[in-house]
Amino acid sequence: MNIRLDEIVERIITINHAWKLSRNEFGNDFIVTQSFRETKASLQATLLREFSKEVYLIEATDSHEHDEQMYSVRLKTPIVVNGCHRQDVEHIPVRIAQDIFTQSELNTFIANGIF
């Protein structure tokens, strides 16, 4: 896949916003809402796998605001996306991360955040 880091980060942010709008308007069970969430997770998986030296996972400190435990997808070095400096590339639920990644991948992505 030939995609730039800033392009995939921008897509993840855009899909996340669309997912939240759909969830608020139509609910979690609406097929489009589910599709947005799955697309975001797929893009995050691509980001972590393709840019593993530049990205890591960390347990989200604001998991209490969500219905479940979350990881925060983070960039080691902030980048500018749509004129804003970004280091956070949205959250991914731990249960989805465990479905998408092997335990070895998860260990690597988490260890990448330990400097």
PDB file of N, CA and C in Angstrom:
ATOM      1  N   MET A   1       0.858  -1.177   0.000  1.00  0.00           N
ATOM      2  CA  MET A   1       0.000   0.000   0.000  1.00  0.00           C
ATOM      3  C   MET A   1       0.898   1.232   0.000  1.00  0.00           C
ATOM      4  N   ASN A   2       0.657   2.114  -0.913  1.00  0.00           N
ATOM      5  CA  ASN A   2       1.419   3.364  -0.984  1.00  0.00           C
ATOM      6  C   ASN A   2       0.559   4.520  -0.508  1.00  0.00           C
ATOM      7  N   ILE A   3       0.520   4.687   0.771  1.00  0.00           N
ATOM      8  CA  ILE A   3      -0.238   5.786   1.364  1.00  0.00           C
ATOM      9  C   ILE A   3       0.684   6.503   2.343  1.00  0.00           C
ATOM     10  N   ARG A   4       0.579   7.791   2.359  1.00  0.00           N
ATOM     11  CA  ARG A   4       1.390   8.593   3.271  1.00  0.00           C
ATOM     12  C   ARG A   4       0.767   8.583   4.665  1.00  0.00           C
ATOM     13  N   LEU A   5       1.617   8.771   5.639  1.00  0.00           N
ATOM     14  CA  LEU A   5       1.181   8.800   7.032  1.00  0.00           C
ATOM     15  C   LEU A   5       0.085   9.834   7.244  1.00  0.00           C
ATOM     16  N   ASP A   6       0.294  11.054   6.755  1.00  0.00           N
ATOM     17  CA  ASP A   6      -0.705  12.106   6.973  1.00  0.00           C
ATOM     18  C   ASP A   6      -2.032  11.782   6.288  1.00  0.00           C
ATOM     19  N   GLU A   7      -1.992  11.082   5.160  1.00  0.00           N
ATOM     20  CA  GLU A   7      -3.227  10.723   4.453  1.00  0.00           C
ATOM     21  C   GLU A   7      -4.061   9.727   5.258  1.00  0.00           C
ATOM     22  N   ILE A   8      -3.419   8.708   5.789  1.00  0.00           N
ATOM     23  CA  ILE A   8      -4.179   7.710   6.542  1.00  0.00           C
ATOM     24  C   ILE A   8      -4.686   8.290   7.856  1.00  0.00           C
ATOM     25  N   VAL A   9      -3.892   9.149   8.496  1.00  0.00           N
ATOM     26  CA  VAL A   9      -4.348   9.797   9.733  1.00  0.00           C
ATOM     27  C   VAL A   9      -5.566  10.662   9.441  1.00  0.00           C
ATOM     28  N   GLU A  10      -5.531  11.418   8.363  1.00  0.00           N
ATOM     29  CA  GLU A  10      -6.674  12.261   7.988  1.00  0.00           C
ATOM     30  C   GLU A  10      -7.913  11.408   7.724  1.00  0.00           C
ATOM     31  N   ARG A  11      -7.752  10.286   7.069  1.00  0.00           N
ATOM     32  CA  ARG A  11      -8.895   9.399   6.803  1.00  0.00           C
ATOM     33  C   ARG A  11      -9.481   8.849   8.097  1.00  0.00           C
ATOM     34  N   ILE A  12      -8.624   8.443   9.018  1.00  0.00           N
ATOM     35  CA  ILE A  12      -9.102   7.909  10.295  1.00  0.00           C
ATOM     36  C   ILE A  12      -9.901   8.969  11.043  1.00  0.00           C
ATOM     37  N   ILE A  13      -9.392  10.173  11.098  1.00  0.00           N
ATOM     38  CA  ILE A  13     -10.084  11.264  11.800  1.00  0.00           C
ATOM     39  C   ILE A  13     -11.426  11.554  11.142  1.00  0.00           C
ATOM     40  N   THR A  14     -11.456  11.594   9.821  1.00  0.00           N
ATOM     41  CA  THR A  14     -12.695  11.871   9.085  1.00  0.00           C
ATOM     42  C   THR A  14     -13.735  10.781   9.317  1.00  0.00           C
ATOM     43  N   ILE A  15     -13.310   9.528   9.229  1.00  0.00           N
ATOM     44  CA  ILE A  15     -14.228   8.405   9.444  1.00  0.00           C
ATOM     45  C   ILE A  15     -14.718   8.399  10.887  1.00  0.00           C
ATOM     46  N   ASN A  16     -13.845   8.724  11.836  1.00  0.00           N
ATOM     47  CA  ASN A  16     -14.257   8.767  13.235  1.00  0.00           C
ATOM     48  C   ASN A  16     -15.349   9.813  13.455  1.00  0.00           C
ATOM     49  N   HIS A  17     -15.200  10.976  12.839  1.00  0.00           N
ATOM     50  CA  HIS A  17     -16.233  12.017  12.960  1.00  0.00           C
ATOM     51  C   HIS A  17     -17.548  11.547  12.338  1.00  0.00           C
ATOM     52  N   ALA A  18     -17.465  10.909  11.175  1.00  0.00           N
ATOM     53  CA  ALA A  18     -18.675  10.395  10.523  1.00  0.00           C
ATOM     54  C   ALA A  18     -19.332   9.317  11.386  1.00  0.00           C
ATOM     55  N   TRP A  19     -18.523   8.458  11.993  1.00  0.00           N
ATOM     56  CA  TRP A  19     -19.059   7.406  12.860  1.00  0.00           C
ATOM     57  C   TRP A  19     -19.813   8.020  14.047  1.00  0.00           C
ATOM     58  N   LYS A  20     -19.221   9.037  14.679  1.00  0.00           N
ATOM     59  CA  LYS A  20     -19.876   9.673  15.817  1.00  0.00           C
ATOM     60  C   LYS A  20     -21.186  10.343  15.413  1.00  0.00           C
ATOM     61  N   LEU A  21     -21.197  11.019  14.269  1.00  0.00           N
ATOM     62  CA  LEU A  21     -22.434  11.643  13.789  1.00  0.00           C
ATOM     63  C   LEU A  21     -23.509  10.596  13.520  1.00  0.00           C
ATOM     64  N   SER A  22     -23.131   9.506  12.855  1.00  0.00           N
ATOM     65  CA  SER A  22     -24.080   8.446  12.552  1.00  0.00           C
ATOM     66  C   SER A  22     -24.596   7.785  13.833  1.00  0.00           C
ATOM     67  N   ARG A  23     -23.698   7.538  14.770  1.00  0.00           N
ATOM     68  CA  ARG A  23     -24.086   6.927  16.048  1.00  0.00           C
ATOM     69  C   ARG A  23     -25.078   7.811  16.797  1.00  0.00           C
ATOM     70  N   ASN A  24     -24.799   9.120  16.830  1.00  0.00           N
ATOM     71  CA  ASN A  24     -25.680  10.042  17.542  1.00  0.00           C
ATOM     72  C   ASN A  24     -27.033  10.198  16.863  1.00  0.00           C
ATOM     73  N   GLU A  25     -27.041  10.153  15.542  1.00  0.00           N
ATOM     74  CA  GLU A  25     -28.278  10.338  14.784  1.00  0.00           C
ATOM     75  C   GLU A  25     -29.107   9.056  14.666  1.00  0.00           C
ATOM     76  N   PHE A  26     -28.418   7.929  14.428  1.00  0.00           N
ATOM     77  CA  PHE A  26     -29.131   6.692  14.102  1.00  0.00           C
ATOM     78  C   PHE A  26     -28.898   5.545  15.076  1.00  0.00           C
ATOM     79  N   GLY A  27     -27.928   5.670  15.973  1.00  0.00           N
ATOM     80  CA  GLY A  27     -27.655   4.631  16.966  1.00  0.00           C
ATOM     81  C   GLY A  27     -26.563   3.668  16.537  1.00  0.00           C
ATOM     82  N   ASN A  28     -26.077   2.899  17.512  1.00  0.00           N
ATOM     83  CA  ASN A  28     -24.991   1.956  17.284  1.00  0.00           C
ATOM     84  C   ASN A  28     -25.359   0.796  16.374  1.00  0.00           C
ATOM     85  N   ASP A  29     -26.632   0.423  16.333  1.00  0.00           N
ATOM     86  CA  ASP A  29     -27.046  -0.750  15.566  1.00  0.00           C
ATOM     87  C   ASP A  29     -27.299  -0.456  14.094  1.00  0.00           C
ATOM     88  N   PHE A  30     -27.306   0.807  13.717  1.00  0.00           N
ATOM     89  CA  PHE A  30     -27.524   1.192  12.324  1.00  0.00           C
ATOM     90  C   PHE A  30     -26.358   0.689  11.488  1.00  0.00           C
ATOM     91  N   ILE A  31     -26.645   0.076  10.350  1.00  0.00           N
ATOM     92  CA  ILE A  31     -25.624  -0.568   9.528  1.00  0.00           C
ATOM     93  C   ILE A  31     -24.517   0.401   9.092  1.00  0.00           C
ATOM     94  N   VAL A  32     -24.874   1.627   8.788  1.00  0.00           N
ATOM     95  CA  VAL A  32     -23.863   2.608   8.375  1.00  0.00           C
ATOM     96  C   VAL A  32     -22.954   2.961   9.553  1.00  0.00           C
ATOM     97  N   THR A  33     -23.513   3.083  10.733  1.00  0.00           N
ATOM     98  CA  THR A  33     -22.722   3.349  11.933  1.00  0.00           C
ATOM     99  C   THR A  33     -21.704   2.236  12.142  1.00  0.00           C
ATOM    100  N   GLN A  34     -22.165   1.004  12.027  1.00  0.00           N
ATOM    101  CA  GLN A  34     -21.275  -0.141  12.190  1.00  0.00           C
ATOM    102  C   GLN A  34     -20.184  -0.150  11.114  1.00  0.00           C
ATOM    103  N   SER A  35     -20.560   0.199   9.896  1.00  0.00           N
ATOM    104  CA  SER A  35     -19.602   0.233   8.800  1.00  0.00           C
ATOM    105  C   SER A  35     -18.520   1.280   9.050  1.00  0.00           C
ATOM    106  N   PHE A  36     -18.905   2.458   9.528  1.00  0.00           N
ATOM    107  CA  PHE A  36     -17.920   3.494   9.847  1.00  0.00           C
ATOM    108  C   PHE A  36     -16.949   3.011  10.924  1.00  0.00           C
ATOM    109  N   ARG A  37     -17.483   2.363  11.947  1.00  0.00           N
ATOM    110  CA  ARG A  37     -16.629   1.892  13.042  1.00  0.00           C
ATOM    111  C   ARG A  37     -15.651   0.834  12.541  1.00  0.00           C
ATOM    112  N   GLU A  38     -16.139  -0.088  11.711  1.00  0.00           N
ATOM    113  CA  GLU A  38     -15.268  -1.129  11.162  1.00  0.00           C
ATOM    114  C   GLU A  38     -14.214  -0.542  10.222  1.00  0.00           C
ATOM    115  N   THR A  39     -14.609   0.455   9.439  1.00  0.00           N
ATOM    116  CA  THR A  39     -13.670   1.108   8.529  1.00  0.00           C
ATOM    117  C   THR A  39     -12.575   1.827   9.316  1.00  0.00           C
ATOM    118  N   LYS A  40     -12.968   2.513  10.379  1.00  0.00           N
ATOM    119  CA  LYS A  40     -11.985   3.210  11.214  1.00  0.00           C
ATOM    120  C   LYS A  40     -10.995   2.213  11.808  1.00  0.00           C
ATOM    121  N   ALA A  41     -11.487   1.108  12.337  1.00  0.00           N
ATOM    122  CA  ALA A  41     -10.613   0.092  12.926  1.00  0.00           C
ATOM    123  C   ALA A  41      -9.682  -0.511  11.873  1.00  0.00           C
ATOM    124  N   SER A  42     -10.194  -0.723  10.680  1.00  0.00           N
ATOM    125  CA  SER A  42      -9.373  -1.260   9.593  1.00  0.00           C
ATOM    126  C   SER A  42      -8.258  -0.284   9.216  1.00  0.00           C
ATOM    127  N   LEU A  43      -8.596   0.994   9.116  1.00  0.00           N
ATOM    128  CA  LEU A  43      -7.584   2.007   8.810  1.00  0.00           C
ATOM    129  C   LEU A  43      -6.552   2.120   9.930  1.00  0.00           C
ATOM    130  N   GLN A  44      -7.006   2.012  11.173  1.00  0.00           N
ATOM    131  CA  GLN A  44      -6.070   2.058  12.294  1.00  0.00           C
ATOM    132  C   GLN A  44      -5.128   0.848  12.258  1.00  0.00           C
ATOM    133  N   ALA A  45      -5.661  -0.311  11.881  1.00  0.00           N
ATOM    134  CA  ALA A  45      -4.822  -1.506  11.758  1.00  0.00           C
ATOM    135  C   ALA A  45      -3.770  -1.298  10.673  1.00  0.00           C
ATOM    136  N   THR A  46      -4.181  -0.729   9.553  1.00  0.00           N
ATOM    137  CA  THR A  46      -3.240  -0.435   8.471  1.00  0.00           C
ATOM    138  C   THR A  46      -2.177   0.541   8.949  1.00  0.00           C
ATOM    139  N   LEU A  47      -2.593   1.590   9.656  1.00  0.00           N
ATOM    140  CA  LEU A  47      -1.655   2.574  10.187  1.00  0.00           C
ATOM    141  C   LEU A  47      -0.620   1.906  11.090  1.00  0.00           C
ATOM    142  N   LEU A  48      -1.084   1.093  12.022  1.00  0.00           N
ATOM    143  CA  LEU A  48      -0.177   0.454  12.968  1.00  0.00           C
ATOM    144  C   LEU A  48       0.769  -0.527  12.274  1.00  0.00           C
ATOM    145  N   ARG A  49       0.271  -1.242  11.304  1.00  0.00           N
ATOM    146  CA  ARG A  49       1.114  -2.233  10.619  1.00  0.00           C
ATOM    147  C   ARG A  49       2.081  -1.582   9.631  1.00  0.00           C
ATOM    148  N   GLU A  50       1.602  -0.615   8.878  1.00  0.00           N
ATOM    149  CA  GLU A  50       2.434   0.000   7.833  1.00  0.00           C
ATOM    150  C   GLU A  50       3.421   1.032   8.376  1.00  0.00           C
ATOM    151  N   PHE A  51       3.069   1.646   9.495  1.00  0.00           N
ATOM    152  CA  PHE A  51       3.910   2.706  10.061  1.00  0.00           C
ATOM    153  C   PHE A  51       4.306   2.346  11.499  1.00  0.00           C
ATOM    154  N   SER A  52       4.633   1.087  11.724  1.00  0.00           N
ATOM    155  CA  SER A  52       4.874   0.582  13.078  1.00  0.00           C
ATOM    156  C   SER A  52       6.017   1.290  13.802  1.00  0.00           C
ATOM    157  N   LYS A  53       6.945   1.868  13.078  1.00  0.00           N
ATOM    158  CA  LYS A  53       8.055   2.579  13.725  1.00  0.00           C
ATOM    159  C   LYS A  53       7.644   3.985  14.179  1.00  0.00           C
ATOM    160  N   GLU A  54       6.498   4.456  13.699  1.00  0.00           N
ATOM    161  CA  GLU A  54       6.061   5.820  13.991  1.00  0.00           C
ATOM    162  C   GLU A  54       4.797   5.892  14.851  1.00  0.00           C
ATOM    163  N   VAL A  55       4.219   4.735  15.155  1.00  0.00           N
ATOM    164  CA  VAL A  55       2.918   4.682  15.820  1.00  0.00           C
ATOM    165  C   VAL A  55       2.965   3.658  16.959  1.00  0.00           C
ATOM    166  N   TYR A  56       2.171   3.890  17.977  1.00  0.00           N
ATOM    167  CA  TYR A  56       2.084   2.923  19.078  1.00  0.00           C
ATOM    168  C   TYR A  56       0.694   2.961  19.709  1.00  0.00           C
ATOM    169  N   LEU A  57       0.439   1.982  20.560  1.00  0.00           N
ATOM    170  CA  LEU A  57      -0.799   1.918  21.336  1.00  0.00           C
ATOM    171  C   LEU A  57      -0.489   2.178  22.800  1.00  0.00           C
ATOM    172  N   ILE A  58      -1.414   2.856  23.452  1.00  0.00           N
ATOM    173  CA  ILE A  58      -1.321   3.073  24.892  1.00  0.00           C
ATOM    174  C   ILE A  58      -2.743   2.973  25.444  1.00  0.00           C
ATOM    175  N   GLU A  59      -2.853   2.433  26.651  1.00  0.00           N
ATOM    176  CA  GLU A  59      -4.171   2.348  27.265  1.00  0.00           C
ATOM    177  C   GLU A  59      -4.724   3.757  27.440  1.00  0.00           C
ATOM    178  N   ALA A  60      -5.934   3.975  26.981  1.00  0.00           N
ATOM    179  CA  ALA A  60      -6.552   5.298  27.055  1.00  0.00           C
ATOM    180  C   ALA A  60      -6.836   5.657  28.502  1.00  0.00           C
ATOM    181  N   THR A  61      -6.452   6.870  28.871  1.00  0.00           N
ATOM    182  CA  THR A  61      -6.679   7.331  30.241  1.00  0.00           C
ATOM    183  C   THR A  61      -8.112   7.790  30.455  1.00  0.00           C
ATOM    184  N   ASP A  62      -8.845   7.977  29.350  1.00  0.00           N
ATOM    185  CA  ASP A  62     -10.229   8.426  29.463  1.00  0.00           C
ATOM    186  C   ASP A  62     -11.213   7.299  29.162  1.00  0.00           C
ATOM    187  N   SER A  63     -10.814   6.054  29.432  1.00  0.00           N
ATOM    188  CA  SER A  63     -11.692   4.905  29.181  1.00  0.00           C
ATOM    189  C   SER A  63     -12.993   5.001  29.968  1.00  0.00           C
ATOM    190  N   HIS A  64     -12.965   5.733  31.094  1.00  0.00           N
ATOM    191  CA  HIS A  64     -14.173   5.901  31.902  1.00  0.00           C
ATOM    192  C   HIS A  64     -15.267   6.647  31.128  1.00  0.00           C
ATOM    193  N   GLU A  65     -14.893   7.380  30.091  1.00  0.00           N
ATOM    194  CA  GLU A  65     -15.868   8.109  29.272  1.00  0.00           C
ATOM    195  C   GLU A  65     -16.523   7.208  28.222  1.00  0.00           C
ATOM    196  N   HIS A  66     -16.004   6.021  28.083  1.00  0.00           N
ATOM    197  CA  HIS A  66     -16.508   5.071  27.098  1.00  0.00           C
ATOM    198  C   HIS A  66     -17.153   3.896  27.818  1.00  0.00           C
ATOM    199  N   ASP A  67     -17.870   3.089  27.069  1.00  0.00           N
ATOM    200  CA  ASP A  67     -18.543   1.935  27.649  1.00  0.00           C
ATOM    201  C   ASP A  67     -17.613   0.738  27.823  1.00  0.00           C
ATOM    202  N   GLU A  68     -16.367   0.891  27.376  1.00  0.00           N
ATOM    203  CA  GLU A  68     -15.441  -0.229  27.412  1.00  0.00           C
ATOM    204  C   GLU A  68     -14.003   0.274  27.461  1.00  0.00           C
ATOM    205  N   GLN A  69     -13.083  -0.649  27.707  1.00  0.00           N
ATOM    206  CA  GLN A  69     -11.671  -0.312  27.760  1.00  0.00           C
ATOM    207  C   GLN A  69     -11.170   0.027  26.355  1.00  0.00           C
ATOM    208  N   MET A  70     -10.349   1.078  26.269  1.00  0.00           N
ATOM    209  CA  MET A  70      -9.883   1.568  24.969  1.00  0.00           C
ATOM    210  C   MET A  70      -8.363   1.698  24.952  1.00  0.00           C
ATOM    211  N   TYR A  71      -7.830   1.590  23.729  1.00  0.00           N
ATOM    212  CA  TYR A  71      -6.456   1.985  23.463  1.00  0.00           C
ATOM    213  C   TYR A  71      -6.515   3.313  22.728  1.00  0.00           C
ATOM    214  N   SER A  72      -5.507   4.122  22.942  1.00  0.00           N
ATOM    215  CA  SER A  72      -5.327   5.324  22.153  1.00  0.00           C
ATOM    216  C   SER A  72      -4.222   5.019  21.150  1.00  0.00           C
ATOM    217  N   VAL A  73      -4.474   5.309  19.872  1.00  0.00           N
ATOM    218  CA  VAL A  73      -3.471   5.143  18.828  1.00  0.00           C
ATOM    219  C   VAL A  73      -2.705   6.455  18.776  1.00  0.00           C
ATOM    220  N   ARG A  74      -1.394   6.388  18.948  1.00  0.00           N
ATOM    221  CA  ARG A  74      -0.583   7.596  19.062  1.00  0.00           C
ATOM    222  C   ARG A  74       0.571   7.608  18.064  1.00  0.00           C
ATOM    223  N   LEU A  75       0.911   8.798  17.648  1.00  0.00           N
ATOM    224  CA  LEU A  75       2.084   9.016  16.807  1.00  0.00           C
ATOM    225  C   LEU A  75       3.249   9.385  17.716  1.00  0.00           C
ATOM    226  N   LYS A  76       4.432   8.866  17.448  1.00  0.00           N
ATOM    227  CA  LYS A  76       5.606   9.211  18.248  1.00  0.00           C
ATOM    228  C   LYS A  76       5.973  10.678  18.070  1.00  0.00           C
ATOM    229  N   THR A  77       5.747  11.194  16.862  1.00  0.00           N
ATOM    230  CA  THR A  77       6.025  12.591  16.562  1.00  0.00           C
ATOM    231  C   THR A  77       4.761  13.214  15.984  1.00  0.00           C
ATOM    232  N   PRO A  78       4.277  14.318  16.543  1.00  0.00           N
ATOM    233  CA  PRO A  78       3.068  14.953  16.006  1.00  0.00           C
ATOM    234  C   PRO A  78       3.238  15.345  14.534  1.00  0.00           C
ATOM    235  N   ILE A  79       2.138  15.304  13.802  1.00  0.00           N
ATOM    236  CA  ILE A  79       2.123  15.759  12.418  1.00  0.00           C
ATOM    237  C   ILE A  79       0.987  16.770  12.261  1.00  0.00           C
ATOM    238  N   VAL A  80       1.026  17.522  11.183  1.00  0.00           N
ATOM    239  CA  VAL A  80      -0.030  18.487  10.897  1.00  0.00           C
ATOM    240  C   VAL A  80      -1.029  17.842   9.951  1.00  0.00           C
ATOM    241  N   VAL A  81      -2.288  17.827  10.377  1.00  0.00           N
ATOM    242  CA  VAL A  81      -3.386  17.310   9.565  1.00  0.00           C
ATOM    243  C   VAL A  81      -4.479  18.369   9.564  1.00  0.00           C
ATOM    244  N   ASN A  82      -4.848  18.812   8.378  1.00  0.00           N
ATOM    245  CA  ASN A  82      -5.872  19.857   8.249  1.00  0.00           C
ATOM    246  C   ASN A  82      -5.540  21.085   9.090  1.00  0.00           C
ATOM    247  N   GLY A  83      -4.267  21.450   9.127  1.00  0.00           N
ATOM    248  CA  GLY A  83      -3.837  22.649   9.831  1.00  0.00           C
ATOM    249  C   GLY A  83      -3.691  22.493  11.332  1.00  0.00           C
ATOM    250  N   CYS A  84      -3.926  21.295  11.860  1.00  0.00           N
ATOM    251  CA  CYS A  84      -3.826  21.060  13.301  1.00  0.00           C
ATOM    252  C   CYS A  84      -2.727  20.045  13.593  1.00  0.00           C
ATOM    253  N   HIS A  85      -1.980  20.276  14.668  1.00  0.00           N
ATOM    254  CA  HIS A  85      -0.979  19.301  15.103  1.00  0.00           C
ATOM    255  C   HIS A  85      -1.710  18.135  15.756  1.00  0.00           C
ATOM    256  N   ARG A  86      -1.398  16.925  15.288  1.00  0.00           N
ATOM    257  CA  ARG A  86      -2.040  15.730  15.827  1.00  0.00           C
ATOM    258  C   ARG A  86      -0.996  14.738  16.303  1.00  0.00           C
ATOM    259  N   GLN A  87      -1.242  14.188  17.476  1.00  0.00           N
ATOM    260  CA  GLN A  87      -0.428  13.078  17.952  1.00  0.00           C
ATOM    261  C   GLN A  87      -1.332  11.885  18.251  1.00  0.00           C
ATOM    262  N   ASP A  88      -2.584  12.168  18.559  1.00  0.00           N
ATOM    263  CA  ASP A  88      -3.569  11.128  18.833  1.00  0.00           C
ATOM    264  C   ASP A  88      -4.319  10.803  17.544  1.00  0.00           C
ATOM    265  N   VAL A  89      -4.457   9.515  17.264  1.00  0.00           N
ATOM    266  CA  VAL A  89      -5.166   9.085  16.054  1.00  0.00           C
ATOM    267  C   VAL A  89      -6.394   8.277  16.468  1.00  0.00           C
ATOM    268  N   GLU A  90      -7.153   8.853  17.379  1.00  0.00           N
ATOM    269  CA  GLU A  90      -8.415   8.316  17.855  1.00  0.00           C
ATOM    270  C   GLU A  90      -8.210   7.065  18.713  1.00  0.00           C
ATOM    271  N   HIS A  91      -9.306   6.551  19.239  1.00  0.00           N
ATOM    272  CA  HIS A  91      -9.292   5.379  20.104  1.00  0.00           C
ATOM    273  C   HIS A  91      -9.736   4.141  19.327  1.00  0.00           C
ATOM    274  N   ILE A  92      -9.307   3.012  19.820  1.00  0.00           N
ATOM    275  CA  ILE A  92      -9.783   1.728  19.308  1.00  0.00           C
ATOM    276  C   ILE A  92     -10.118   0.873  20.532  1.00  0.00           C
ATOM    277  N   PRO A  93     -11.317   0.303  20.575  1.00  0.00           N
ATOM    278  CA  PRO A  93     -11.664  -0.551  21.713  1.00  0.00           C
ATOM    279  C   PRO A  93     -10.697  -1.735  21.831  1.00  0.00           C
ATOM    280  N   VAL A  94     -10.349  -2.078  23.057  1.00  0.00           N
ATOM    281  CA  VAL A  94      -9.434  -3.193  23.300  1.00  0.00           C
ATOM    282  C   VAL A  94      -9.982  -4.469  22.669  1.00  0.00           C
ATOM    283  N   ARG A  95     -11.278  -4.710  22.780  1.00  0.00           N
ATOM    284  CA  ARG A  95     -11.856  -5.945  22.232  1.00  0.00           C
ATOM    285  C   ARG A  95     -11.693  -6.017  20.714  1.00  0.00           C
ATOM    286  N   ILE A  96     -11.798  -4.877  20.033  1.00  0.00           N
ATOM    287  CA  ILE A  96     -11.610  -4.861  18.575  1.00  0.00           C
ATOM    288  C   ILE A  96     -10.133  -5.067  18.251  1.00  0.00           C
ATOM    289  N   ALA A  97      -9.252  -4.410  19.005  1.00  0.00           N
ATOM    290  CA  ALA A  97      -7.810  -4.589  18.793  1.00  0.00           C
ATOM    291  C   ALA A  97      -7.430  -6.058  18.983  1.00  0.00           C
ATOM    292  N   GLN A  98      -8.028  -6.718  19.974  1.00  0.00           N
ATOM    293  CA  GLN A  98      -7.726  -8.126  20.217  1.00  0.00           C
ATOM    294  C   GLN A  98      -8.249  -9.023  19.101  1.00  0.00           C
ATOM    295  N   ASP A  99      -9.314  -8.598  18.420  1.00  0.00           N
ATOM    296  CA  ASP A  99      -9.841  -9.354  17.271  1.00  0.00           C
ATOM    297  C   ASP A  99      -8.989  -9.155  16.025  1.00  0.00           C
ATOM    298  N   ILE A 100      -8.471  -7.943  15.842  1.00  0.00           N
ATOM    299  CA  ILE A 100      -7.745  -7.583  14.621  1.00  0.00           C
ATOM    300  C   ILE A 100      -6.287  -8.049  14.662  1.00  0.00           C
ATOM    301  N   PHE A 101      -5.647  -7.894  15.812  1.00  0.00           N
ATOM    302  CA  PHE A 101      -4.219  -8.144  15.936  1.00  0.00           C
ATOM    303  C   PHE A 101      -3.925  -9.435  16.685  1.00  0.00           C
ATOM    304  N   THR A 102      -2.773 -10.023  16.383  1.00  0.00           N
ATOM    305  CA  THR A 102      -2.292 -11.138  17.186  1.00  0.00           C
ATOM    306  C   THR A 102      -1.777 -10.574  18.505  1.00  0.00           C
ATOM    307  N   GLN A 103      -1.607 -11.423  19.480  1.00  0.00           N
ATOM    308  CA  GLN A 103      -1.067 -10.965  20.762  1.00  0.00           C
ATOM    309  C   GLN A 103       0.344 -10.432  20.585  1.00  0.00           C
ATOM    310  N   SER A 104       1.096 -11.051  19.698  1.00  0.00           N
ATOM    311  CA  SER A 104       2.462 -10.589  19.411  1.00  0.00           C
ATOM    312  C   SER A 104       2.439  -9.172  18.826  1.00  0.00           C
ATOM    313  N   GLU A 105       1.525  -8.909  17.889  1.00  0.00           N
ATOM    314  CA  GLU A 105       1.402  -7.562  17.320  1.00  0.00           C
ATOM    315  C   GLU A 105       1.037  -6.559  18.401  1.00  0.00           C
ATOM    316  N   LEU A 106       0.054  -6.896  19.230  1.00  0.00           N
ATOM    317  CA  LEU A 106      -0.353  -5.989  20.305  1.00  0.00           C
ATOM    318  C   LEU A 106       0.819  -5.677  21.221  1.00  0.00           C
ATOM    319  N   ASN A 107       1.569  -6.701  21.594  1.00  0.00           N
ATOM    320  CA  ASN A 107       2.726  -6.495  22.467  1.00  0.00           C
ATOM    321  C   ASN A 107       3.729  -5.548  21.815  1.00  0.00           C
ATOM    322  N   THR A 108       3.946  -5.713  20.517  1.00  0.00           N
ATOM    323  CA  THR A 108       4.884  -4.854  19.792  1.00  0.00           C
ATOM    324  C   THR A 108       4.380  -3.425  19.739  1.00  0.00           C
ATOM    325  N   PHE A 109       3.088  -3.236  19.403  1.00  0.00           N
ATOM    326  CA  PHE A 109       2.537  -1.883  19.292  1.00  0.00           C
ATOM    327  C   PHE A 109       2.560  -1.165  20.639  1.00  0.00           C
ATOM    328  N   ILE A 110       2.317  -1.890  21.709  1.00  0.00           N
ATOM    329  CA  ILE A 110       2.348  -1.296  23.050  1.00  0.00           C
ATOM    330  C   ILE A 110       3.799  -0.992  23.432  1.00  0.00           C
ATOM    331  N   ALA A 111       4.704  -1.929  23.160  1.00  0.00           N
ATOM    332  CA  ALA A 111       6.113  -1.725  23.481  1.00  0.00           C
ATOM    333  C   ALA A 111       6.713  -0.562  22.700  1.00  0.00           C
ATOM    334  N   ASN A 112       6.206  -0.290  21.499  1.00  0.00           N
ATOM    335  CA  ASN A 112       6.701   0.833  20.694  1.00  0.00           C
ATOM    336  C   ASN A 112       6.503   2.165  21.403  1.00  0.00           C
ATOM    337  N   GLY A 113       5.563   2.214  22.338  1.00  0.00           N
ATOM    338  CA  GLY A 113       5.293   3.452  23.057  1.00  0.00           C
ATOM    339  C   GLY A 113       6.180   3.655  24.277  1.00  0.00           C
ATOM    340  N   ILE A 114       6.989   2.641  24.601  1.00  0.00           N
ATOM    341  CA  ILE A 114       7.882   2.739  25.750  1.00  0.00           C
ATOM    342  C   ILE A 114       9.230   3.222  25.251  1.00  0.00           C
ATOM    343  N   PHE A 115       9.530   4.456  25.552  1.00  0.00           N
ATOM    344  CA  PHE A 115      10.771   5.065  25.041  1.00  0.00           C
ATOM    345  C   PHE A 115      11.885   4.929  26.040  1.00  0.00           C
TER     346      PHE A 115
END
